[in-house]
C-alpha atoms as a PDB file:
ATOM      1  CA  MET A   1      32.739 -18.987 -20.360  1.00  0.00           C
ATOM      2  CA  THR A   2      30.879 -21.175 -22.513  1.00  0.00           C
ATOM      3  CA  ALA A   3      32.921 -22.081 -25.292  1.00  0.00           C
ATOM      4  CA  THR A   4      31.804 -21.645 -28.844  1.00  0.00           C
ATOM      5  CA  ALA A   5      32.988 -23.246 -32.246  1.00  0.00           C
ATOM      6  CA  ILE A   6      32.396 -22.734 -35.907  1.00  0.00           C
ATOM      7  CA  ALA A   7      30.942 -25.942 -38.149  1.00  0.00           C
ATOM      8  CA  THR A   8      29.689 -26.803 -41.323  1.00  0.00           C
ATOM      9  CA  VAL A   9      25.698 -28.035 -41.872  1.00  0.00           C
ATOM     10  CA  ASN A  10      23.621 -28.716 -44.775  1.00  0.00           C
ATOM     11  CA  TYR A  11      19.840 -27.431 -44.400  1.00  0.00           C
ATOM     12  CA  HIS A  12      17.582 -28.232 -46.490  1.00  0.00           C
ATOM     13  CA  VAL A  13      15.884 -25.848 -49.119  1.00  0.00           C
ATOM     14  CA  HIS A  14      12.546 -24.668 -49.619  1.00  0.00           C
ATOM     15  CA  LYS A  15      11.022 -25.874 -53.023  1.00  0.00           C
ATOM     16  CA  PRO A  16       7.575 -25.309 -54.784  1.00  0.00           C
ATOM     17  CA  GLU A  17       7.402 -29.388 -55.104  1.00  0.00           C
ATOM     18  CA  ARG A  18       7.417 -32.144 -52.454  1.00  0.00           C
ATOM     19  CA  GLN A  19      10.875 -33.264 -51.545  1.00  0.00           C
ATOM     20  CA  ALA A  20      12.369 -36.906 -50.461  1.00  0.00           C
ATOM     21  CA  PHE A  21      14.874 -38.819 -49.639  1.00  0.00           C
ATOM     22  CA  GLU A  22      15.240 -41.849 -50.936  1.00  0.00           C
ATOM     23  CA  LEU A  23      17.321 -44.986 -49.084  1.00  0.00           C
ATOM     24  CA  ASP A  24      19.159 -47.932 -50.215  1.00  0.00           C
ATOM     25  CA  ALA A  25      18.173 -46.792 -53.620  1.00  0.00           C
ATOM     26  CA  GLY A  26      18.105 -49.297 -56.646  1.00  0.00           C
ATOM     27  CA  GLY A  27      18.514 -52.305 -53.963  1.00  0.00           C
ATOM     28  CA  VAL A  28      21.913 -51.062 -52.933  1.00  0.00           C
ATOM     29  CA  VAL A  29      22.243 -51.045 -49.748  1.00  0.00           C
ATOM     30  CA  GLY A  30      23.633 -47.444 -47.923  1.00  0.00           C
ATOM     31  CA  ASN A  31      22.965 -45.567 -51.690  1.00  0.00           C
ATOM     32  CA  LEU A  32      20.797 -42.564 -50.649  1.00  0.00           C
ATOM     33  CA  VAL A  33      19.045 -40.102 -52.945  1.00  0.00           C
ATOM     34  CA  SER A  34      19.421 -37.046 -51.294  1.00  0.00           C
ATOM     35  CA  PRO A  35      17.194 -33.638 -52.094  1.00  0.00           C
ATOM     36  CA  GLU A  36      19.371 -30.339 -52.363  1.00  0.00           C
ATOM     37  CA  LEU A  37      20.877 -29.288 -49.135  1.00  0.00           C
ATOM     38  CA  ALA A  38      22.781 -26.002 -48.710  1.00  0.00           C
ATOM     39  CA  ALA A  39      26.352 -25.956 -46.951  1.00  0.00           C
ATOM     40  CA  THR A  40      26.015 -23.602 -43.949  1.00  0.00           C
ATOM     41  CA  ARG A  41      28.574 -21.936 -41.298  1.00  0.00           C
ATOM     42  CA  VAL A  42      27.300 -21.940 -38.019  1.00  0.00           C
ATOM     43  CA  ASN A  43      28.411 -20.736 -34.472  1.00  0.00           C
ATOM     44  CA  VAL A  44      28.015 -23.773 -31.953  1.00  0.00           C
ATOM     45  CA  ARG A  45      27.837 -23.471 -28.226  1.00  0.00           C
ATOM     46  CA  ASP A  46      29.393 -26.161 -26.245  1.00  0.00           C
ATOM     47  CA  VAL A  47      26.749 -27.026 -23.133  1.00  0.00           C
ATOM     48  CA  ARG A  48      29.451 -29.093 -21.218  1.00  0.00           C
ATOM     49  CA  PRO A  49      30.209 -27.013 -18.520  1.00  0.00           C
ATOM     50  CA  ALA A  50      27.100 -27.567 -16.008  1.00  0.00           C
ATOM     51  CA  ASP A  51      26.053 -24.099 -15.933  1.00  0.00           C
ATOM     52  CA  SER A  52      24.974 -24.139 -19.354  1.00  0.00           C
ATOM     53  CA  ASN A  53      23.756 -27.770 -19.539  1.00  0.00           C
ATOM     54  CA  THR A  54      20.285 -28.255 -21.264  1.00  0.00           C
ATOM     55  CA  SER A  55      17.029 -29.890 -20.172  1.00  0.00           C
ATOM     56  CA  PHE A  56      14.938 -32.073 -21.309  1.00  0.00           C
ATOM     57  CA  LYS A  57      11.846 -30.321 -20.065  1.00  0.00           C
ATOM     58  CA  GLN A  58      13.014 -27.205 -21.081  1.00  0.00           C
ATOM     59  CA  ALA A  59      15.018 -27.734 -24.309  1.00  0.00           C
ATOM     60  CA  SER A  60      13.685 -31.560 -25.618  1.00  0.00           C
ATOM     61  CA  LEU A  61      17.496 -32.267 -25.296  1.00  0.00           C
ATOM     62  CA  GLU A  62      19.622 -33.593 -22.070  1.00  0.00           C
ATOM     63  CA  PHE A  63      23.241 -35.160 -22.075  1.00  0.00           C
ATOM     64  CA  ALA A  64      23.660 -37.679 -19.333  1.00  0.00           C
ATOM     65  CA  ALA A  65      26.217 -40.328 -17.869  1.00  0.00           C
ATOM     66  CA  PHE A  66      25.563 -44.132 -19.408  1.00  0.00           C
ATOM     67  CA  HIS A  67      27.260 -46.943 -19.102  1.00  0.00           C
ATOM     68  CA  THR A  68      27.010 -49.862 -20.516  1.00  0.00           C
ATOM     69  CA  ASP A  69      29.043 -53.166 -20.936  1.00  0.00           C
ATOM     70  CA  VAL A  70      28.136 -54.117 -24.580  1.00  0.00           C
ATOM     71  CA  ASP A  71      30.130 -54.037 -27.398  1.00  0.00           C
ATOM     72  CA  VAL A  72      27.847 -53.164 -30.716  1.00  0.00           C
ATOM     73  CA  LEU A  73      30.471 -53.295 -32.879  1.00  0.00           C
ATOM     74  CA  ASN A  74      32.000 -56.957 -31.979  1.00  0.00           C
ATOM     75  CA  ASP A  75      29.155 -58.660 -30.400  1.00  0.00           C
ATOM     76  CA  LYS A  76      27.232 -58.891 -33.753  1.00  0.00           C
ATOM     77  CA  LEU A  77      23.181 -59.091 -32.359  1.00  0.00           C
ATOM     78  CA  ALA A  78      24.016 -60.436 -29.124  1.00  0.00           C
ATOM     79  CA  TRP A  79      24.310 -57.274 -27.785  1.00  0.00           C
ATOM     80  CA  GLN A  80      20.403 -56.090 -28.656  1.00  0.00           C
ATOM     81  CA  PRO A  81      18.824 -57.481 -25.681  1.00  0.00           C
ATOM     82  CA  ILE A  82      21.205 -56.362 -23.010  1.00  0.00           C
ATOM     83  CA  TYR A  83      21.527 -52.806 -24.743  1.00  0.00           C
ATOM     84  CA  ASP A  84      17.881 -52.639 -25.226  1.00  0.00           C
ATOM     85  CA  ALA A  85      17.409 -53.214 -21.270  1.00  0.00           C
ATOM     86  CA  ASP A  86      19.677 -50.698 -20.209  1.00  0.00           C
ATOM     87  CA  ILE A  87      18.119 -47.576 -22.389  1.00  0.00           C
ATOM     88  CA  LYS A  88      14.885 -48.696 -20.895  1.00  0.00           C
ATOM     89  CA  GLY A  89      16.120 -48.437 -17.545  1.00  0.00           C
ATOM     90  CA  PHE A  90      17.512 -45.390 -18.226  1.00  0.00           C
ATOM     91  CA  LEU A  91      14.649 -43.687 -19.621  1.00  0.00           C
ATOM     92  CA  ARG A  92      12.822 -44.743 -16.891  1.00  0.00           C
ATOM     93  CA  ALA A  93      15.215 -43.236 -14.261  1.00  0.00           C
ATOM     94  CA  ARG A  94      14.552 -40.248 -16.108  1.00  0.00           C
ATOM     95  CA  LEU A  95      11.038 -39.757 -17.037  1.00  0.00           C
ATOM     96  CA  ASN A  96       7.933 -40.344 -15.783  1.00  0.00           C
ATOM     97  CA  ILE A  97       6.687 -42.959 -18.091  1.00  0.00           C
ATOM     98  CA  ASP A  98       4.838 -46.565 -18.226  1.00  0.00           C
ATOM     99  CA  GLU A  99       6.331 -48.380 -21.132  1.00  0.00           C
ATOM    100  CA  VAL A 100       9.227 -48.048 -23.311  1.00  0.00           C
ATOM    101  CA  ILE A 101       9.537 -49.888 -26.642  1.00  0.00           C
ATOM    102  CA  VAL A 102      13.522 -50.203 -28.508  1.00  0.00           C
ATOM    103  CA  PHE A 103      12.749 -50.487 -31.994  1.00  0.00           C
ATOM    104  CA  ASP A 104      15.275 -49.660 -34.020  1.00  0.00           C
ATOM    105  CA  HIS A 105      19.208 -49.158 -33.753  1.00  0.00           C
ATOM    106  CA  THR A 106      21.572 -47.496 -36.113  1.00  0.00           C
ATOM    107  CA  VAL A 107      25.129 -47.765 -35.937  1.00  0.00           C
ATOM    108  CA  ARG A 108      27.330 -44.747 -37.959  1.00  0.00           C
ATOM    109  CA  ILE A 109      30.833 -44.865 -38.952  1.00  0.00           C
ATOM    110  CA  ASP A 110      32.042 -41.677 -40.490  1.00  0.00           C
ATOM    111  CA  ASP A 111      33.996 -43.712 -43.237  1.00  0.00           C
ATOM    112  CA  GLU A 112      33.981 -43.944 -46.788  1.00  0.00           C
ATOM    113  CA  ALA A 113      33.294 -47.601 -46.752  1.00  0.00           C
ATOM    114  CA  SER A 114      30.529 -47.485 -44.186  1.00  0.00           C
ATOM    115  CA  ASP A 115      26.847 -48.628 -45.103  1.00  0.00           C
ATOM    116  CA  ARG A 116      25.481 -46.060 -42.551  1.00  0.00           C
ATOM    117  CA  LYS A 117      27.709 -42.932 -42.680  1.00  0.00           C
ATOM    118  CA  PRO A 118      26.321 -39.981 -40.026  1.00  0.00           C
ATOM    119  CA  ALA A 119      23.495 -37.926 -40.991  1.00  0.00           C
ATOM    120  CA  ARG A 120      24.807 -34.380 -42.511  1.00  0.00           C
ATOM    121  CA  ASN A 121      21.295 -32.978 -43.233  1.00  0.00           C
ATOM    122  CA  VAL A 122      20.016 -30.450 -40.381  1.00  0.00           C
ATOM    123  CA  HIS A 123      16.621 -33.045 -39.555  1.00  0.00           C
ATOM    124  CA  SER A 124      14.169 -34.255 -37.230  1.00  0.00           C
ATOM    125  CA  ASP A 125      13.210 -37.937 -37.567  1.00  0.00           C
ATOM    126  CA  TYR A 126       9.891 -37.800 -38.139  1.00  0.00           C
ATOM    127  CA  SER A 127       6.397 -35.351 -38.958  1.00  0.00           C
ATOM    128  CA  ARG A 128       3.028 -35.807 -37.053  1.00  0.00           C
ATOM    129  CA  SER A 129       2.017 -37.784 -39.796  1.00  0.00           C
ATOM    130  CA  GLY A 130       5.213 -39.657 -40.256  1.00  0.00           C
ATOM    131  CA  ALA A 131       4.580 -40.307 -36.094  1.00  0.00           C
ATOM    132  CA  GLN A 132       1.355 -41.635 -36.701  1.00  0.00           C
ATOM    133  CA  GLN A 133       1.977 -44.047 -39.040  1.00  0.00           C
ATOM    134  CA  ARG A 134       5.208 -45.459 -36.973  1.00  0.00           C
ATOM    135  CA  LEU A 135       3.259 -45.609 -34.089  1.00  0.00           C
ATOM    136  CA  ILE A 136       1.036 -47.835 -36.187  1.00  0.00           C
ATOM    137  CA  ASP A 137       3.711 -49.790 -37.871  1.00  0.00           C
ATOM    138  CA  LEU A 138       5.043 -50.814 -34.517  1.00  0.00           C
ATOM    139  CA  LEU A 139       1.676 -51.392 -32.141  1.00  0.00           C
ATOM    140  CA  GLY A 140      -0.873 -52.296 -34.870  1.00  0.00           C
ATOM    141  CA  GLU A 141      -3.845 -50.264 -35.142  1.00  0.00           C
ATOM    142  CA  ALA A 142      -5.824 -50.937 -32.246  1.00  0.00           C
ATOM    143  CA  ARG A 143      -3.079 -50.919 -30.176  1.00  0.00           C
ATOM    144  CA  ALA A 144      -1.839 -47.488 -31.532  1.00  0.00           C
ATOM    145  CA  ALA A 145      -5.302 -45.849 -31.095  1.00  0.00           C
ATOM    146  CA  GLU A 146      -4.906 -46.589 -27.521  1.00  0.00           C
ATOM    147  CA  TRP A 147      -1.782 -45.186 -26.954  1.00  0.00           C
ATOM    148  CA  ALA A 148      -2.815 -42.087 -29.229  1.00  0.00           C
ATOM    149  CA  SER A 149      -5.121 -41.655 -26.461  1.00  0.00           C
ATOM    150  CA  GLY A 150      -2.948 -40.811 -24.316  1.00  0.00           C
ATOM    151  CA  HIS A 151       0.714 -39.173 -24.013  1.00  0.00           C
ATOM    152  CA  TYR A 152       2.870 -40.759 -26.145  1.00  0.00           C
ATOM    153  CA  ALA A 153       6.630 -39.701 -27.901  1.00  0.00           C
ATOM    154  CA  PHE A 154       9.465 -41.069 -29.743  1.00  0.00           C
ATOM    155  CA  ILE A 155      12.683 -40.411 -28.202  1.00  0.00           C
ATOM    156  CA  ASN A 156      16.126 -41.083 -29.774  1.00  0.00           C
ATOM    157  CA  VAL A 157      19.306 -42.169 -27.521  1.00  0.00           C
ATOM    158  CA  TRP A 158      22.649 -41.304 -29.214  1.00  0.00           C
ATOM    159  CA  ARG A 159      26.041 -42.104 -27.845  1.00  0.00           C
ATOM    160  CA  PRO A 160      29.402 -42.445 -29.150  1.00  0.00           C
ATOM    161  CA  VAL A 161      30.826 -46.170 -29.305  1.00  0.00           C
ATOM    162  CA  GLU A 162      34.594 -47.369 -29.019  1.00  0.00           C
ATOM    163  CA  ALA A 163      36.272 -44.225 -28.347  1.00  0.00           C
ATOM    164  CA  GLU A 164      35.493 -40.470 -27.652  1.00  0.00           C
ATOM    165  CA  ILE A 165      34.326 -38.130 -30.355  1.00  0.00           C
ATOM    166  CA  SER A 166      36.686 -35.740 -32.133  1.00  0.00           C
ATOM    167  CA  SER A 167      35.480 -34.849 -35.189  1.00  0.00           C
ATOM    168  CA  SER A 168      32.001 -34.533 -36.707  1.00  0.00           C
ATOM    169  CA  PRO A 169      30.102 -34.326 -33.232  1.00  0.00           C
ATOM    170  CA  LEU A 170      26.095 -34.459 -33.063  1.00  0.00           C
ATOM    171  CA  GLY A 171      24.669 -30.771 -32.834  1.00  0.00           C
ATOM    172  CA  PHE A 172      20.953 -29.457 -32.044  1.00  0.00           C
ATOM    173  CA  ILE A 173      19.334 -26.102 -32.504  1.00  0.00           C
ATOM    174  CA  LEU A 174      17.756 -25.284 -29.796  1.00  0.00           C
ATOM    175  CA  PRO A 175      13.859 -25.370 -30.146  1.00  0.00           C
ATOM    176  CA  ASP A 176      12.674 -22.085 -29.003  1.00  0.00           C
ATOM    177  CA  SER A 177      15.228 -20.172 -31.921  1.00  0.00           C
ATOM    178  CA  VAL A 178      13.175 -22.414 -34.555  1.00  0.00           C
ATOM    179  CA  ALA A 179      10.435 -20.637 -36.200  1.00  0.00           C
ATOM    180  CA  GLU A 180       7.425 -22.670 -37.859  1.00  0.00           C
ATOM    181  CA  HIS A 181       8.449 -22.021 -41.311  1.00  0.00           C
ATOM    182  CA  ASP A 182      11.917 -23.388 -41.154  1.00  0.00           C
ATOM    183  CA  TRP A 183      10.328 -26.383 -41.284  1.00  0.00           C
ATOM    184  CA  ILE A 184      10.042 -28.438 -44.477  1.00  0.00           C
ATOM    185  CA  LEU A 185       8.163 -31.875 -44.753  1.00  0.00           C
ATOM    186  CA  LEU A 186      10.411 -34.480 -46.553  1.00  0.00           C
ATOM    187  CA  ASP A 187       8.962 -38.309 -47.489  1.00  0.00           C
ATOM    188  CA  LEU A 188      11.113 -40.898 -46.913  1.00  0.00           C
ATOM    189  CA  ILE A 189      11.455 -43.622 -49.517  1.00  0.00           C
ATOM    190  CA  TYR A 190      12.549 -47.220 -48.423  1.00  0.00           C
ATOM    191  CA  PRO A 191      12.358 -50.053 -50.682  1.00  0.00           C
ATOM    192  CA  ASP A 192       9.931 -51.682 -48.346  1.00  0.00           C
ATOM    193  CA  ARG A 193       8.055 -48.559 -46.638  1.00  0.00           C
ATOM    194  CA  GLN A 194       7.397 -45.069 -46.812  1.00  0.00           C
ATOM    195  CA  GLY A 195       7.967 -42.201 -43.935  1.00  0.00           C
ATOM    196  CA  GLN A 196       8.009 -38.738 -43.131  1.00  0.00           C
ATOM    197  CA  ILE A 197      10.616 -36.410 -41.465  1.00  0.00           C
ATOM    198  CA  LEU A 198      11.408 -32.580 -41.193  1.00  0.00           C
ATOM    199  CA  GLY A 199      13.872 -31.217 -42.643  1.00  0.00           C
ATOM    200  CA  LEU A 200      15.250 -27.302 -41.876  1.00  0.00           C
ATOM    201  CA  ALA A 201      16.104 -24.772 -44.022  1.00  0.00           C
ATOM    202  CA  ALA A 202      18.359 -22.160 -42.884  1.00  0.00           C
ATOM    203  CA  ASN A 203      17.825 -19.237 -40.565  1.00  0.00           C
ATOM    204  CA  PRO A 204      20.405 -16.535 -39.004  1.00  0.00           C
ATOM    205  CA  ALA A 205      18.488 -16.981 -35.327  1.00  0.00           C
ATOM    206  CA  HIS A 206      18.866 -20.853 -34.753  1.00  0.00           C
ATOM    207  CA  GLN A 207      20.733 -21.145 -31.467  1.00  0.00           C
ATOM    208  CA  TRP A 208      23.044 -24.766 -32.092  1.00  0.00           C
ATOM    209  CA  VAL A 209      24.486 -26.682 -29.503  1.00  0.00           C
ATOM    210  CA  TYR A 210      26.600 -29.513 -28.829  1.00  0.00           C
ATOM    211  CA  ARG A 211      28.794 -31.305 -25.903  1.00  0.00           C
ATOM    212  CA  SER A 212      32.275 -31.853 -26.471  1.00  0.00           C
ATOM    213  CA  ARG A 213      34.702 -34.486 -26.608  1.00  0.00           C
ATOM    214  CA  MET A 214      31.741 -37.199 -25.335  1.00  0.00           C
ATOM    215  CA  THR A 215      32.623 -40.616 -24.532  1.00  0.00           C
ATOM    216  CA  PRO A 216      31.037 -43.759 -25.095  1.00  0.00           C
ATOM    217  CA  ASP A 217      29.724 -43.319 -20.999  1.00  0.00           C
ATOM    218  CA  GLU A 218      27.613 -40.423 -22.318  1.00  0.00           C
ATOM    219  CA  VAL A 219      24.909 -39.857 -24.256  1.00  0.00           C
ATOM    220  CA  ALA A 220      22.226 -37.441 -25.395  1.00  0.00           C
ATOM    221  CA  PHE A 221      19.151 -38.405 -25.359  1.00  0.00           C
ATOM    222  CA  PHE A 222      16.420 -35.909 -27.317  1.00  0.00           C
ATOM    223  CA  ASN A 223      13.137 -35.752 -28.354  1.00  0.00           C
ATOM    224  CA  ILE A 224      11.550 -36.391 -31.941  1.00  0.00           C
ATOM    225  CA  PHE A 225       8.123 -36.318 -31.775  1.00  0.00           C
ATOM    226  CA  ASP A 226       5.697 -35.730 -29.164  1.00  0.00           C
ATOM    227  CA  ASN A 227       1.995 -36.114 -29.535  1.00  0.00           C
ATOM    228  CA  ARG A 228       1.287 -33.409 -26.494  1.00  0.00           C
ATOM    229  CA  GLY A 229       3.444 -31.011 -28.076  1.00  0.00           C
ATOM    230  CA  LEU A 230       7.383 -31.053 -26.477  1.00  0.00           C
ATOM    231  CA  PRO A 231       8.762 -29.757 -29.487  1.00  0.00           C
ATOM    232  CA  SER A 232      10.950 -31.827 -31.894  1.00  0.00           C
ATOM    233  CA  ILE A 233      14.490 -30.630 -32.064  1.00  0.00           C
ATOM    234  CA  ALA A 234      16.614 -30.513 -35.529  1.00  0.00           C
ATOM    235  CA  HIS A 235      20.220 -31.991 -35.178  1.00  0.00           C
ATOM    236  CA  SER A 236      22.693 -33.013 -37.436  1.00  0.00           C
ATOM    237  CA  ALA A 237      26.278 -34.113 -37.847  1.00  0.00           C
ATOM    238  CA  LEU A 238      28.501 -30.801 -37.379  1.00  0.00           C
ATOM    239  CA  ASP A 239      31.601 -30.838 -39.880  1.00  0.00           C
ATOM    240  CA  MET A 240      34.400 -29.915 -37.314  1.00  0.00           C
ATOM    241  CA  LEU A 241      37.396 -31.408 -35.306  1.00  0.00           C
ATOM    242  CA  GLU A 242      36.983 -30.718 -31.753  1.00  0.00           C
ATOM    243  CA  GLN A 243      40.723 -32.119 -31.357  1.00  0.00           C
ATOM    244  CA  PRO A 244      42.707 -31.586 -34.051  1.00  0.00           C
ATOM    245  CA  VAL A 245      45.853 -33.255 -32.521  1.00  0.00           C
ATOM    246  CA  LYS A 246      43.582 -36.517 -31.313  1.00  0.00           C
ATOM    247  CA  HIS A 247      41.629 -37.787 -34.196  1.00  0.00           C
ATOM    248  CA  SER A 248      39.623 -40.955 -33.979  1.00  0.00           C
ATOM    249  CA  VAL A 249      36.871 -41.980 -37.085  1.00  0.00           C
ATOM    250  CA  ARG A 250      33.911 -41.249 -35.309  1.00  0.00           C
ATOM    251  CA  LYS A 251      31.537 -44.033 -34.345  1.00  0.00           C
ATOM    252  CA  SER A 252      27.768 -43.833 -33.194  1.00  0.00           C
ATOM    253  CA  ILE A 253      24.955 -45.408 -32.123  1.00  0.00           C
ATOM    254  CA  GLU A 254      21.421 -44.381 -32.233  1.00  0.00           C
ATOM    255  CA  SER A 255      18.443 -46.055 -30.827  1.00  0.00           C
ATOM    256  CA  ARG A 256      14.585 -45.097 -31.747  1.00  0.00           C
ATOM    257  CA  THR A 257      12.442 -45.381 -28.861  1.00  0.00           C
ATOM    258  CA  LEU A 258       8.535 -45.003 -28.152  1.00  0.00           C
ATOM    259  CA  VAL A 259       7.556 -44.353 -24.807  1.00  0.00           C
ATOM    260  CA  ARG A 260       4.264 -43.939 -23.309  1.00  0.00           C
ATOM    261  CA  TYR A 261       4.188 -41.501 -20.096  1.00  0.00           C
ATOM    262  CA  ARG A 262       1.968 -42.070 -17.250  1.00  0.00           C
ATOM    263  CA  ASP A 263      -1.511 -40.748 -17.804  1.00  0.00           C
ATOM    264  CA  GLU A 264      -1.718 -38.492 -14.683  1.00  0.00           C
ATOM    265  CA  VAL A 265       1.548 -36.740 -15.884  1.00  0.00           C
ATOM    266  CA  ASN A 266       1.217 -33.583 -18.421  1.00  0.00           C
ATOM    267  CA  ASN A 267       5.202 -32.706 -18.341  1.00  0.00           C
ATOM    268  CA  PRO A 268       7.303 -35.434 -19.319  1.00  0.00           C
ATOM    269  CA  GLY A 269      10.166 -33.419 -17.599  1.00  0.00           C
ATOM    270  CA  ASN A 270       8.559 -33.490 -14.018  1.00  0.00           C
END
């Protein structure tokens, strides 16, 4: 029998005016100005059992084993080239891609003293416009145009660090349960640039999933934009205790990647 749990998430709220997040507001690292959010209790299905797992091809989300020898918390920046290579090898082994660019790592620690806490708003990392601008930011206009003429995507690779997750796991909404009108365009304002993401408004039809007790030897990899139409997947930290008698601070790393699929492959999951 598939296990279910109850968690609290923070949905976005439809407004007549455009909404925005402001990061490092006022020049203070970690200072976040947020749009209105609505705390909502949801049922979450555990997909750890093998018969209830998800696949990237069908759900824009997959969980897998992933081992790395890097220590992202204690090796300063020395770990990045090795970890980038690990991620590239991992994605190439699972998807029909020609090229992988790892361009961002964010370590999140669920502690008041942390500059980057788990993201507790239901969202996906890029709107179409935001993804197109990020492509140009990363590659320049000429090379971005070349990639845009083929099949490219942004994929997030997320894993715990140091310890098994016992609280605030990362949860996902299966794309088939999301209606188009649930999405809300949100500006993302940094001190030096501006982007655009997608927030999600509440809908009782949403089907939430997570993988229980994830360890540093496991990852979730999920689609956050695909120019050939694979759905973006909404996600958020889940406010819930997985193991009340075994509590550790949730620490994780998410790595954003830009991938170019092989031209002859139309479906990234094949």
